[in-house]
Amino acid sequence: MSQPGYSRSPLQEGFAALREEPLLLVAELTWRWCFAIAAWLIVLLAAALFLDSLNVTALDRLLLSTMQPAFAGSVLTHILSGALLRYLWIKFFVLLGLTVLWAFAAAVGRAASLRSVISLTGGDDHDEEVGWQFRPMLQLHLLRALWTWIAIGCFAASLLLGIAMQAQQRPARAAFFYVFGVAFSLIFGVMLNWIFGLAPLFCVRNQIGARDAVSQTLDFCARQGGRLFGLSLGFLALRMAWAGAMFLLVLAPTSIGNRLAVGWVLMMMSLLFLVYLAGADALILARLGAYAALADIDAQPEPEPIPELPEPTPTPLPSAPLDLPSDNWDAGPHQLSPSS
């Protein structure tokens, strides 16, 4: 798949990697969906533990059985009184566990995907076996998860502070939190999340640590910023087109809801949603292959321009007449004269 840098298209090579290695998508779906199943099990277990810790009396059950909104509100207030701190602690440990589990799964799964993608897009220089770089990959994904939570926290805090300032009749401060706080949280959150998501490529490709991978990622973005922006914009357009088409397709079974049972309709919608997730993961892999191809193009030395040689000028012939003898000339081994 390797071609000269001037004739290579990272977008085409990204999709070509999926065609060359179909099991790459299977591996990506495996680690992503395994994490999703494990996350749902952890959330359900935490919810069960929280509900089991609540104290529900016989009077509470009796009032809830009446199905009266006034009774239900007072009963729920009584049941949940004193459980807020316990709920926050359970939520904190669940989010912490899910973050560590995601970082571990992403470090293993992304390393496996990158090793295959780099060997497909890197040509002969990267056909040899490369290491997993598990520890730097885990550090990068933990940093990415931590920064994501920080950005989400800043976004929520700015939004809540803006609402509070608006309620206190302070429109200038509310506008500041709405505009600058929310905007900066989104911009810096997306930018650094994208950089931490690109750094594992250089971590595996160049067999370096997490700090060096981030440094090389920033240098790479400075050199290839225009092409990176074009690739990201192209894959974003493909992702939006895929999401729009699959959104209409997922909602299509609702039109036959009067002919089928609700359970069958939900099952069809769930299967179509899984198809959407598989297509989205395929686009993520193709984008990763395009970035790997662009990194390989960036690493190749630029061809030196061939100097143009000046055109040779014709040498003029001498214009002087030849000096020929007028009396004798050499005719062989003896001299001849005109009289002979």
C-alpha atoms as a PDB file:
ATOM      1  CA  MET A   1       0.000   0.000   0.000  1.00  0.00           C
ATOM      2  CA  SER A   2       2.997   2.299   0.371  1.00  0.00           C
ATOM      3  CA  GLN A   3       3.425   4.815  -2.452  1.00  0.00           C
ATOM      4  CA  PRO A   4       5.502   7.951  -2.945  1.00  0.00           C
ATOM      5  CA  GLY A   5       4.403  10.744  -0.630  1.00  0.00           C
ATOM      6  CA  TYR A   6       3.237  13.089  -3.371  1.00  0.00           C
ATOM      7  CA  SER A   7       0.845  10.482  -4.818  1.00  0.00           C
ATOM      8  CA  ARG A   8      -0.590   9.064  -1.577  1.00  0.00           C
ATOM      9  CA  SER A   9      -4.083   9.870  -0.311  1.00  0.00           C
ATOM     10  CA  PRO A  10      -4.484   9.383   3.467  1.00  0.00           C
ATOM     11  CA  LEU A  11      -8.269   9.211   3.092  1.00  0.00           C
ATOM     12  CA  GLN A  12      -8.071   6.345   0.600  1.00  0.00           C
ATOM     13  CA  GLU A  13      -5.441   4.522   2.632  1.00  0.00           C
ATOM     14  CA  GLY A  14      -7.609   4.752   5.744  1.00  0.00           C
ATOM     15  CA  PHE A  15     -10.460   2.877   4.051  1.00  0.00           C
ATOM     16  CA  ALA A  16      -7.993   0.589   2.262  1.00  0.00           C
ATOM     17  CA  ALA A  17      -6.731  -0.607   5.659  1.00  0.00           C
ATOM     18  CA  LEU A  18     -10.232  -1.865   6.488  1.00  0.00           C
ATOM     19  CA  ARG A  19     -10.441  -3.684   3.161  1.00  0.00           C
ATOM     20  CA  GLU A  20      -7.007  -5.257   3.590  1.00  0.00           C
ATOM     21  CA  GLU A  21      -7.706  -6.467   7.153  1.00  0.00           C
ATOM     22  CA  PRO A  22     -11.440  -7.119   7.813  1.00  0.00           C
ATOM     23  CA  LEU A  23     -10.680  -8.599  11.247  1.00  0.00           C
ATOM     24  CA  LEU A  24      -9.533  -5.142  12.341  1.00  0.00           C
ATOM     25  CA  LEU A  25     -13.146  -4.014  12.668  1.00  0.00           C
ATOM     26  CA  VAL A  26     -14.036  -7.225  14.515  1.00  0.00           C
ATOM     27  CA  ALA A  27     -11.292  -6.587  17.073  1.00  0.00           C
ATOM     28  CA  GLU A  28     -12.400  -2.969  17.514  1.00  0.00           C
ATOM     29  CA  LEU A  29     -16.020  -3.969  18.047  1.00  0.00           C
ATOM     30  CA  THR A  30     -14.972  -6.690  20.486  1.00  0.00           C
ATOM     31  CA  TRP A  31     -13.164  -4.467  22.956  1.00  0.00           C
ATOM     32  CA  ARG A  32     -15.684  -1.635  22.682  1.00  0.00           C
ATOM     33  CA  TRP A  33     -18.762  -3.795  23.172  1.00  0.00           C
ATOM     34  CA  CYS A  34     -17.127  -5.844  25.929  1.00  0.00           C
ATOM     35  CA  PHE A  35     -16.468  -2.614  27.796  1.00  0.00           C
ATOM     36  CA  ALA A  36     -20.078  -1.476  27.194  1.00  0.00           C
ATOM     37  CA  ILE A  37     -21.462  -4.749  28.594  1.00  0.00           C
ATOM     38  CA  ALA A  38     -19.162  -4.570  31.622  1.00  0.00           C
ATOM     39  CA  ALA A  39     -20.134  -0.925  32.206  1.00  0.00           C
ATOM     40  CA  TRP A  40     -23.847  -1.773  32.142  1.00  0.00           C
ATOM     41  CA  LEU A  41     -23.292  -4.616  34.608  1.00  0.00           C
ATOM     42  CA  ILE A  42     -21.391  -2.307  36.976  1.00  0.00           C
ATOM     43  CA  VAL A  43     -24.116   0.348  36.779  1.00  0.00           C
ATOM     44  CA  LEU A  44     -26.880  -2.208  37.409  1.00  0.00           C
ATOM     45  CA  LEU A  45     -24.955  -3.688  40.346  1.00  0.00           C
ATOM     46  CA  ALA A  46     -24.438  -0.228  41.857  1.00  0.00           C
ATOM     47  CA  ALA A  47     -28.142   0.599  41.417  1.00  0.00           C
ATOM     48  CA  ALA A  48     -29.105  -2.670  43.083  1.00  0.00           C
ATOM     49  CA  LEU A  49     -26.784  -1.964  46.017  1.00  0.00           C
ATOM     50  CA  PHE A  50     -28.200   1.540  46.432  1.00  0.00           C
ATOM     51  CA  LEU A  51     -31.793   0.348  46.335  1.00  0.00           C
ATOM     52  CA  ASP A  52     -30.973  -2.444  48.774  1.00  0.00           C
ATOM     53  CA  SER A  53     -29.572   0.110  51.229  1.00  0.00           C
ATOM     54  CA  LEU A  54     -32.868   2.044  51.374  1.00  0.00           C
ATOM     55  CA  ASN A  55     -35.154   1.471  54.345  1.00  0.00           C
ATOM     56  CA  VAL A  56     -38.767   0.959  53.208  1.00  0.00           C
ATOM     57  CA  THR A  57     -41.334   0.431  55.969  1.00  0.00           C
ATOM     58  CA  ALA A  58     -44.672  -1.337  55.734  1.00  0.00           C
ATOM     59  CA  LEU A  59     -46.466   2.023  55.856  1.00  0.00           C
ATOM     60  CA  ASP A  60     -44.390   3.224  52.902  1.00  0.00           C
ATOM     61  CA  ARG A  61     -45.397   0.165  50.881  1.00  0.00           C
ATOM     62  CA  LEU A  62     -49.034   0.724  51.748  1.00  0.00           C
ATOM     63  CA  LEU A  63     -48.985   4.355  50.705  1.00  0.00           C
ATOM     64  CA  LEU A  64     -47.150   3.539  47.465  1.00  0.00           C
ATOM     65  CA  SER A  65     -49.772   0.887  46.623  1.00  0.00           C
ATOM     66  CA  THR A  66     -52.499   3.559  46.600  1.00  0.00           C
ATOM     67  CA  MET A  67     -50.903   5.105  43.456  1.00  0.00           C
ATOM     68  CA  GLN A  68     -51.780   8.585  44.682  1.00  0.00           C
ATOM     69  CA  PRO A  69     -49.313  11.290  43.577  1.00  0.00           C
ATOM     70  CA  ALA A  70     -49.557  13.174  46.886  1.00  0.00           C
ATOM     71  CA  PHE A  71     -48.784  10.059  48.931  1.00  0.00           C
ATOM     72  CA  ALA A  72     -46.071   8.890  46.528  1.00  0.00           C
ATOM     73  CA  GLY A  73     -44.177  12.178  46.782  1.00  0.00           C
ATOM     74  CA  SER A  74     -44.133  12.174  50.578  1.00  0.00           C
ATOM     75  CA  VAL A  75     -43.153   8.481  50.698  1.00  0.00           C
ATOM     76  CA  LEU A  76     -40.251   8.948  48.284  1.00  0.00           C
ATOM     77  CA  THR A  77     -39.054  11.935  50.311  1.00  0.00           C
ATOM     78  CA  HIS A  78     -39.132   9.822  53.461  1.00  0.00           C
ATOM     79  CA  ILE A  79     -37.352   6.871  51.814  1.00  0.00           C
ATOM     80  CA  LEU A  80     -34.593   8.980  50.235  1.00  0.00           C
ATOM     81  CA  SER A  81     -33.979  11.145  53.310  1.00  0.00           C
ATOM     82  CA  GLY A  82     -30.393  10.652  54.442  1.00  0.00           C
ATOM     83  CA  ALA A  83     -29.469   8.719  51.303  1.00  0.00           C
ATOM     84  CA  LEU A  84     -27.985  11.617  49.322  1.00  0.00           C
ATOM     85  CA  LEU A  85     -24.461  11.200  50.694  1.00  0.00           C
ATOM     86  CA  ARG A  86     -24.595   7.455  50.111  1.00  0.00           C
ATOM     87  CA  TYR A  87     -25.819   8.038  46.550  1.00  0.00           C
ATOM     88  CA  LEU A  88     -22.969  10.470  45.835  1.00  0.00           C
ATOM     89  CA  TRP A  89     -20.351   8.055  47.169  1.00  0.00           C
ATOM     90  CA  ILE A  90     -21.723   5.188  45.096  1.00  0.00           C
ATOM     91  CA  LYS A  91     -21.829   7.384  42.004  1.00  0.00           C
ATOM     92  CA  PHE A  92     -18.242   8.535  42.598  1.00  0.00           C
ATOM     93  CA  PHE A  93     -16.904   4.997  42.899  1.00  0.00           C
ATOM     94  CA  VAL A  94     -18.889   3.852  39.863  1.00  0.00           C
ATOM     95  CA  LEU A  95     -17.509   6.682  37.707  1.00  0.00           C
ATOM     96  CA  LEU A  96     -13.988   6.054  38.993  1.00  0.00           C
ATOM     97  CA  GLY A  97     -14.257   2.334  38.247  1.00  0.00           C
ATOM     98  CA  LEU A  98     -15.693   2.948  34.783  1.00  0.00           C
ATOM     99  CA  THR A  99     -12.925   5.455  33.996  1.00  0.00           C
ATOM    100  CA  VAL A 100     -10.143   3.048  35.000  1.00  0.00           C
ATOM    101  CA  LEU A 101     -11.851   0.176  33.181  1.00  0.00           C
ATOM    102  CA  TRP A 102     -12.230   2.252  30.010  1.00  0.00           C
ATOM    103  CA  ALA A 103      -8.580   3.361  30.136  1.00  0.00           C
ATOM    104  CA  PHE A 104      -7.422  -0.247  30.543  1.00  0.00           C
ATOM    105  CA  ALA A 105      -9.673  -1.578  27.762  1.00  0.00           C
ATOM    106  CA  ALA A 106      -8.820   1.293  25.416  1.00  0.00           C
ATOM    107  CA  ALA A 107      -5.075   0.879  26.040  1.00  0.00           C
ATOM    108  CA  VAL A 108      -5.198  -2.790  25.063  1.00  0.00           C
ATOM    109  CA  GLY A 109      -7.702  -2.460  22.214  1.00  0.00           C
ATOM    110  CA  ARG A 110      -6.209   0.674  20.697  1.00  0.00           C
ATOM    111  CA  ALA A 111      -2.687  -0.766  20.851  1.00  0.00           C
ATOM    112  CA  ALA A 112      -3.845  -3.860  18.951  1.00  0.00           C
ATOM    113  CA  SER A 113      -5.626  -1.738  16.339  1.00  0.00           C
ATOM    114  CA  LEU A 114      -2.706   0.649  15.912  1.00  0.00           C
ATOM    115  CA  ARG A 115      -0.199  -2.156  15.416  1.00  0.00           C
ATOM    116  CA  SER A 116      -2.244  -3.491  12.505  1.00  0.00           C
ATOM    117  CA  VAL A 117      -3.026  -0.061  11.044  1.00  0.00           C
ATOM    118  CA  ILE A 118       0.611   1.059  11.169  1.00  0.00           C
ATOM    119  CA  SER A 119       1.805  -2.126   9.468  1.00  0.00           C
ATOM    120  CA  LEU A 120      -0.789  -1.634   6.699  1.00  0.00           C
ATOM    121  CA  THR A 121      -0.116   2.041   6.052  1.00  0.00           C
ATOM    122  CA  GLY A 122       3.575   2.285   6.928  1.00  0.00           C
ATOM    123  CA  GLY A 123       5.110   0.282   4.091  1.00  0.00           C
ATOM    124  CA  ASP A 124       8.313  -1.699   4.482  1.00  0.00           C
ATOM    125  CA  ASP A 125       9.659   0.419   7.336  1.00  0.00           C
ATOM    126  CA  HIS A 126       6.974  -0.722   9.756  1.00  0.00           C
ATOM    127  CA  ASP A 127       6.391  -4.304   8.711  1.00  0.00           C
ATOM    128  CA  GLU A 128       8.468  -5.566  11.625  1.00  0.00           C
ATOM    129  CA  GLU A 129       6.881  -6.454  14.938  1.00  0.00           C
ATOM    130  CA  VAL A 130       6.217  -3.419  17.147  1.00  0.00           C
ATOM    131  CA  GLY A 131       5.659  -3.394  20.879  1.00  0.00           C
ATOM    132  CA  TRP A 132       2.374  -2.854  22.661  1.00  0.00           C
ATOM    133  CA  GLN A 133       3.581   0.096  24.767  1.00  0.00           C
ATOM    134  CA  PHE A 134       0.916  -0.748  27.331  1.00  0.00           C
ATOM    135  CA  ARG A 135       2.088   1.510  30.157  1.00  0.00           C
ATOM    136  CA  PRO A 136       2.389   4.720  28.063  1.00  0.00           C
ATOM    137  CA  MET A 137      -0.907   3.894  26.356  1.00  0.00           C
ATOM    138  CA  LEU A 138      -2.604   3.502  29.740  1.00  0.00           C
ATOM    139  CA  GLN A 139      -1.166   6.828  30.895  1.00  0.00           C
ATOM    140  CA  LEU A 140      -2.408   8.606  27.776  1.00  0.00           C
ATOM    141  CA  HIS A 141      -5.922   7.219  28.102  1.00  0.00           C
ATOM    142  CA  LEU A 142      -6.052   8.066  31.805  1.00  0.00           C
ATOM    143  CA  LEU A 143      -5.004  11.633  30.953  1.00  0.00           C
ATOM    144  CA  ARG A 144      -7.641  11.767  28.239  1.00  0.00           C
ATOM    145  CA  ALA A 145     -10.366  10.522  30.611  1.00  0.00           C
ATOM    146  CA  LEU A 146      -9.251  12.912  33.368  1.00  0.00           C
ATOM    147  CA  TRP A 147      -9.280  15.887  31.031  1.00  0.00           C
ATOM    148  CA  THR A 148     -12.705  14.897  29.719  1.00  0.00           C
ATOM    149  CA  TRP A 149     -14.126  14.882  33.255  1.00  0.00           C
ATOM    150  CA  ILE A 150     -12.466  18.250  33.954  1.00  0.00           C
ATOM    151  CA  ALA A 151     -13.996  19.756  30.810  1.00  0.00           C
ATOM    152  CA  ILE A 152     -17.430  18.336  31.673  1.00  0.00           C
ATOM    153  CA  GLY A 153     -17.121  19.717  35.220  1.00  0.00           C
ATOM    154  CA  CYS A 154     -16.145  23.177  33.957  1.00  0.00           C
ATOM    155  CA  PHE A 155     -19.014  23.117  31.466  1.00  0.00           C
ATOM    156  CA  ALA A 156     -21.572  22.155  34.137  1.00  0.00           C
ATOM    157  CA  ALA A 157     -20.172  24.685  36.637  1.00  0.00           C
ATOM    158  CA  SER A 158     -20.286  27.502  34.074  1.00  0.00           C
ATOM    159  CA  LEU A 159     -23.843  26.606  33.149  1.00  0.00           C
ATOM    160  CA  LEU A 160     -24.995  26.465  36.795  1.00  0.00           C
ATOM    161  CA  LEU A 161     -23.221  29.705  37.673  1.00  0.00           C
ATOM    162  CA  GLY A 162     -24.831  31.398  34.683  1.00  0.00           C
ATOM    163  CA  ILE A 163     -28.269  30.254  35.826  1.00  0.00           C
ATOM    164  CA  ALA A 164     -27.544  31.464  39.369  1.00  0.00           C
ATOM    165  CA  MET A 165     -26.355  34.875  38.141  1.00  0.00           C
ATOM    166  CA  GLN A 166     -29.424  35.161  35.942  1.00  0.00           C
ATOM    167  CA  ALA A 167     -31.668  34.390  38.917  1.00  0.00           C
ATOM    168  CA  GLN A 168     -29.901  37.130  40.933  1.00  0.00           C
ATOM    169  CA  GLN A 169     -30.608  39.672  38.168  1.00  0.00           C
ATOM    170  CA  ARG A 170     -26.966  39.957  37.134  1.00  0.00           C
ATOM    171  CA  PRO A 171     -27.108  39.652  33.347  1.00  0.00           C
ATOM    172  CA  ALA A 172     -23.478  40.678  32.705  1.00  0.00           C
ATOM    173  CA  ARG A 173     -22.048  37.945  34.913  1.00  0.00           C
ATOM    174  CA  ALA A 174     -24.557  35.433  33.565  1.00  0.00           C
ATOM    175  CA  ALA A 175     -23.534  36.283  29.993  1.00  0.00           C
ATOM    176  CA  PHE A 176     -19.866  35.905  30.946  1.00  0.00           C
ATOM    177  CA  PHE A 177     -20.391  32.390  32.317  1.00  0.00           C
ATOM    178  CA  TYR A 178     -22.678  31.423  29.443  1.00  0.00           C
ATOM    179  CA  VAL A 179     -20.404  32.680  26.678  1.00  0.00           C
ATOM    180  CA  PHE A 180     -16.836  32.415  27.919  1.00  0.00           C
ATOM    181  CA  GLY A 181     -17.135  29.625  30.460  1.00  0.00           C
ATOM    182  CA  VAL A 182     -19.204  27.292  28.326  1.00  0.00           C
ATOM    183  CA  ALA A 183     -17.351  28.138  25.094  1.00  0.00           C
ATOM    184  CA  PHE A 184     -13.873  27.706  26.580  1.00  0.00           C
ATOM    185  CA  SER A 185     -14.888  24.438  28.221  1.00  0.00           C
ATOM    186  CA  LEU A 186     -16.096  23.079  24.891  1.00  0.00           C
ATOM    187  CA  ILE A 187     -13.174  24.374  22.807  1.00  0.00           C
ATOM    188  CA  PHE A 188     -10.334  23.312  25.097  1.00  0.00           C
ATOM    189  CA  GLY A 189     -12.121  20.106  26.040  1.00  0.00           C
ATOM    190  CA  VAL A 190     -12.509  19.031  22.424  1.00  0.00           C
ATOM    191  CA  MET A 191      -9.012  20.144  21.382  1.00  0.00           C
ATOM    192  CA  LEU A 192      -7.096  18.409  24.167  1.00  0.00           C
ATOM    193  CA  ASN A 193      -9.295  15.343  23.963  1.00  0.00           C
ATOM    194  CA  TRP A 194      -8.440  15.114  20.242  1.00  0.00           C
ATOM    195  CA  ILE A 195      -4.714  15.552  20.937  1.00  0.00           C
ATOM    196  CA  PHE A 196      -4.721  12.869  23.633  1.00  0.00           C
ATOM    197  CA  GLY A 197      -6.628  10.638  21.219  1.00  0.00           C
ATOM    198  CA  LEU A 198      -3.981  11.119  18.490  1.00  0.00           C
ATOM    199  CA  ALA A 199      -0.949  10.709  20.759  1.00  0.00           C
ATOM    200  CA  PRO A 200      -1.259   6.863  21.017  1.00  0.00           C
ATOM    201  CA  LEU A 201      -0.512   6.677  17.288  1.00  0.00           C
ATOM    202  CA  PHE A 202       2.984   8.079  17.830  1.00  0.00           C
ATOM    203  CA  CYS A 203       3.388   6.135  21.067  1.00  0.00           C
ATOM    204  CA  VAL A 204       3.052   2.820  19.204  1.00  0.00           C
ATOM    205  CA  ARG A 205       4.552   3.945  15.893  1.00  0.00           C
ATOM    206  CA  ASN A 206       7.779   5.350  17.359  1.00  0.00           C
ATOM    207  CA  GLN A 207       7.914   3.202  20.533  1.00  0.00           C
ATOM    208  CA  ILE A 208       8.143   6.190  22.891  1.00  0.00           C
ATOM    209  CA  GLY A 209       6.690   7.276  26.217  1.00  0.00           C
ATOM    210  CA  ALA A 210       3.564   9.283  26.916  1.00  0.00           C
ATOM    211  CA  ARG A 211       5.301  12.671  27.248  1.00  0.00           C
ATOM    212  CA  ASP A 212       7.282  12.258  24.042  1.00  0.00           C
ATOM    213  CA  ALA A 213       4.148  11.063  22.235  1.00  0.00           C
ATOM    214  CA  VAL A 214       2.271  14.233  23.202  1.00  0.00           C
ATOM    215  CA  SER A 215       5.258  16.370  22.138  1.00  0.00           C
ATOM    216  CA  GLN A 216       5.513  14.654  18.755  1.00  0.00           C
ATOM    217  CA  THR A 217       1.755  14.967  18.300  1.00  0.00           C
ATOM    218  CA  LEU A 218       1.937  18.732  18.790  1.00  0.00           C
ATOM    219  CA  ASP A 219       4.829  18.989  16.309  1.00  0.00           C
ATOM    220  CA  PHE A 220       2.914  16.850  13.828  1.00  0.00           C
ATOM    221  CA  CYS A 221      -0.156  19.076  14.163  1.00  0.00           C
ATOM    222  CA  ALA A 222       1.994  22.151  13.579  1.00  0.00           C
ATOM    223  CA  ARG A 223       3.465  20.691  10.373  1.00  0.00           C
ATOM    224  CA  GLN A 224       0.353  19.036   8.959  1.00  0.00           C
ATOM    225  CA  GLY A 225      -2.381  21.231  10.433  1.00  0.00           C
ATOM    226  CA  GLY A 226      -4.113  21.919   7.122  1.00  0.00           C
ATOM    227  CA  ARG A 227      -4.286  18.286   6.007  1.00  0.00           C
ATOM    228  CA  LEU A 228      -5.328  17.156   9.499  1.00  0.00           C
ATOM    229  CA  PHE A 229      -8.141  19.685   9.529  1.00  0.00           C
ATOM    230  CA  GLY A 230      -9.283  18.536   6.096  1.00  0.00           C
ATOM    231  CA  LEU A 231      -9.243  14.869   7.128  1.00  0.00           C
ATOM    232  CA  SER A 232     -11.094  15.581  10.378  1.00  0.00           C
ATOM    233  CA  LEU A 233     -13.686  17.662   8.562  1.00  0.00           C
ATOM    234  CA  GLY A 234     -14.182  14.965   5.927  1.00  0.00           C
ATOM    235  CA  PHE A 235     -14.686  12.202   8.486  1.00  0.00           C
ATOM    236  CA  LEU A 236     -16.990  14.439  10.513  1.00  0.00           C
ATOM    237  CA  ALA A 237     -19.160  14.933   7.421  1.00  0.00           C
ATOM    238  CA  LEU A 238     -19.212  11.160   6.826  1.00  0.00           C
ATOM    239  CA  ARG A 239     -20.097  10.541  10.462  1.00  0.00           C
ATOM    240  CA  MET A 240     -22.958  13.028  10.358  1.00  0.00           C
ATOM    241  CA  ALA A 241     -24.289  11.573   7.101  1.00  0.00           C
ATOM    242  CA  TRP A 242     -24.142   8.056   8.556  1.00  0.00           C
ATOM    243  CA  ALA A 243     -25.855   9.179  11.761  1.00  0.00           C
ATOM    244  CA  GLY A 244     -28.628  10.967   9.858  1.00  0.00           C
ATOM    245  CA  ALA A 245     -29.313   8.003   7.587  1.00  0.00           C
ATOM    246  CA  MET A 246     -29.293   5.488  10.441  1.00  0.00           C
ATOM    247  CA  PHE A 247     -31.476   7.735  12.625  1.00  0.00           C
ATOM    248  CA  LEU A 248     -34.245   7.524  10.056  1.00  0.00           C
ATOM    249  CA  LEU A 249     -33.651   3.800   9.672  1.00  0.00           C
ATOM    250  CA  VAL A 250     -33.763   3.156  13.418  1.00  0.00           C
ATOM    251  CA  LEU A 251     -37.095   4.954  13.668  1.00  0.00           C
ATOM    252  CA  ALA A 252     -38.518   3.072  10.669  1.00  0.00           C
ATOM    253  CA  PRO A 253     -39.880   0.094  12.733  1.00  0.00           C
ATOM    254  CA  THR A 254     -42.188   2.465  14.626  1.00  0.00           C
ATOM    255  CA  SER A 255     -44.296   2.796  11.453  1.00  0.00           C
ATOM    256  CA  ILE A 256     -45.284  -0.886  11.734  1.00  0.00           C
ATOM    257  CA  GLY A 257     -45.866  -0.755  15.473  1.00  0.00           C
ATOM    258  CA  ASN A 258     -49.600  -1.325  15.006  1.00  0.00           C
ATOM    259  CA  ARG A 259     -48.876  -4.654  13.271  1.00  0.00           C
ATOM    260  CA  LEU A 260     -46.173  -6.048  15.575  1.00  0.00           C
ATOM    261  CA  ALA A 261     -45.800  -6.299  19.309  1.00  0.00           C
ATOM    262  CA  VAL A 262     -43.851  -3.619  21.134  1.00  0.00           C
ATOM    263  CA  GLY A 263     -41.136  -6.102  22.065  1.00  0.00           C
ATOM    264  CA  TRP A 264     -40.419  -6.971  18.433  1.00  0.00           C
ATOM    265  CA  VAL A 265     -40.316  -3.313  17.457  1.00  0.00           C
ATOM    266  CA  LEU A 266     -37.825  -2.553  20.238  1.00  0.00           C
ATOM    267  CA  MET A 267     -35.708  -5.533  19.204  1.00  0.00           C
ATOM    268  CA  MET A 268     -35.574  -4.354  15.597  1.00  0.00           C
ATOM    269  CA  MET A 269     -34.651  -0.845  16.710  1.00  0.00           C
ATOM    270  CA  SER A 270     -31.908  -2.239  18.969  1.00  0.00           C
ATOM    271  CA  LEU A 271     -30.414  -4.299  16.136  1.00  0.00           C
ATOM    272  CA  LEU A 272     -30.419  -1.301  13.801  1.00  0.00           C
ATOM    273  CA  PHE A 273     -28.787   0.768  16.523  1.00  0.00           C
ATOM    274  CA  LEU A 274     -26.031  -1.853  16.791  1.00  0.00           C
ATOM    275  CA  VAL A 275     -25.540  -1.567  13.033  1.00  0.00           C
ATOM    276  CA  TYR A 276     -25.125   2.180  13.456  1.00  0.00           C
ATOM    277  CA  LEU A 277     -22.519   1.649  16.196  1.00  0.00           C
ATOM    278  CA  ALA A 278     -20.604  -0.802  14.003  1.00  0.00           C
ATOM    279  CA  GLY A 279     -20.539   1.703  11.129  1.00  0.00           C
ATOM    280  CA  ALA A 280     -19.405   4.478  13.473  1.00  0.00           C
ATOM    281  CA  ASP A 281     -16.550   2.279  14.750  1.00  0.00           C
ATOM    282  CA  ALA A 282     -15.571   1.512  11.144  1.00  0.00           C
ATOM    283  CA  LEU A 283     -15.334   5.250  10.427  1.00  0.00           C
ATOM    284  CA  ILE A 284     -13.200   5.706  13.551  1.00  0.00           C
ATOM    285  CA  LEU A 285     -10.817   3.005  12.338  1.00  0.00           C
ATOM    286  CA  ALA A 286     -10.683   4.530   8.858  1.00  0.00           C
ATOM    287  CA  ARG A 287      -9.855   7.919  10.358  1.00  0.00           C
ATOM    288  CA  LEU A 288      -7.146   6.304  12.462  1.00  0.00           C
ATOM    289  CA  GLY A 289      -5.695   4.699   9.326  1.00  0.00           C
ATOM    290  CA  ALA A 290      -5.776   8.058   7.537  1.00  0.00           C
ATOM    291  CA  TYR A 291      -3.871   9.695  10.407  1.00  0.00           C
ATOM    292  CA  ALA A 292      -1.320   6.860  10.363  1.00  0.00           C
ATOM    293  CA  ALA A 293      -0.825   7.263   6.606  1.00  0.00           C
ATOM    294  CA  LEU A 294      -0.381  11.015   6.999  1.00  0.00           C
ATOM    295  CA  ALA A 295       2.166  10.446   9.778  1.00  0.00           C
ATOM    296  CA  ASP A 296       4.097   8.111   7.477  1.00  0.00           C
ATOM    297  CA  ILE A 297       3.998  10.713   4.689  1.00  0.00           C
ATOM    298  CA  ASP A 298       5.209  13.355   7.132  1.00  0.00           C
ATOM    299  CA  ALA A 299       8.131  11.154   8.214  1.00  0.00           C
ATOM    300  CA  GLN A 300       9.381  10.651   4.660  1.00  0.00           C
ATOM    301  CA  PRO A 301      12.070  13.107   3.498  1.00  0.00           C
ATOM    302  CA  GLU A 302      10.973  15.590   0.903  1.00  0.00           C
ATOM    303  CA  PRO A 303      12.452  14.902  -2.545  1.00  0.00           C
ATOM    304  CA  GLU A 304      15.220  17.336  -3.457  1.00  0.00           C
ATOM    305  CA  PRO A 305      14.535  19.406  -6.560  1.00  0.00           C
ATOM    306  CA  ILE A 306      16.599  18.379  -9.599  1.00  0.00           C
ATOM    307  CA  PRO A 307      18.754  21.333 -10.715  1.00  0.00           C
ATOM    308  CA  GLU A 308      18.126  22.460 -14.254  1.00  0.00           C
ATOM    309  CA  LEU A 309      21.249  22.259 -16.415  1.00  0.00           C
ATOM    310  CA  PRO A 310      21.859  25.073 -18.902  1.00  0.00           C
ATOM    311  CA  GLU A 311      21.385  24.157 -22.529  1.00  0.00           C
ATOM    312  CA  PRO A 312      24.721  23.674 -24.365  1.00  0.00           C
ATOM    313  CA  THR A 313      25.577  26.375 -26.905  1.00  0.00           C
ATOM    314  CA  PRO A 314      26.917  25.199 -30.309  1.00  0.00           C
ATOM    315  CA  THR A 315      30.614  25.893 -30.924  1.00  0.00           C
ATOM    316  CA  PRO A 316      31.163  28.015 -34.093  1.00  0.00           C
ATOM    317  CA  LEU A 317      33.381  26.525 -36.828  1.00  0.00           C
ATOM    318  CA  PRO A 318      36.634  28.314 -37.739  1.00  0.00           C
ATOM    319  CA  SER A 319      36.244  30.658 -40.712  1.00  0.00           C
ATOM    320  CA  ALA A 320      39.989  30.859 -41.716  1.00  0.00           C
ATOM    321  CA  PRO A 321      40.876  29.255 -45.126  1.00  0.00           C
ATOM    322  CA  LEU A 322      42.987  26.100 -45.270  1.00  0.00           C
ATOM    323  CA  ASP A 323      46.635  26.473 -46.365  1.00  0.00           C
ATOM    324  CA  LEU A 324      47.186  24.032 -49.251  1.00  0.00           C
ATOM    325  CA  PRO A 325      50.536  23.606 -51.095  1.00  0.00           C
ATOM    326  CA  SER A 326      50.561  25.151 -54.548  1.00  0.00           C
ATOM    327  CA  ASP A 327      53.521  23.234 -56.088  1.00  0.00           C
ATOM    328  CA  ASN A 328      53.678  19.752 -54.615  1.00  0.00           C
ATOM    329  CA  TRP A 329      51.532  17.392 -52.613  1.00  0.00           C
ATOM    330  CA  ASP A 330      52.131  14.077 -50.935  1.00  0.00           C
ATOM    331  CA  ALA A 331      50.844  11.301 -53.165  1.00  0.00           C
ATOM    332  CA  GLY A 332      52.344   8.323 -51.435  1.00  0.00           C
ATOM    333  CA  PRO A 333      55.825   7.043 -50.814  1.00  0.00           C
ATOM    334  CA  HIS A 334      57.417   9.436 -53.433  1.00  0.00           C
ATOM    335  CA  GLN A 335      56.829  12.990 -54.410  1.00  0.00           C
ATOM    336  CA  LEU A 336      54.969  13.908 -57.569  1.00  0.00           C
ATOM    337  CA  SER A 337      55.149  17.157 -59.342  1.00  0.00           C
ATOM    338  CA  PRO A 338      52.579  18.641 -61.667  1.00  0.00           C
ATOM    339  CA  SER A 339      54.975  18.254 -64.621  1.00  0.00           C
ATOM    340  CA  SER A 340      55.122  14.486 -64.219  1.00  0.00           C
END
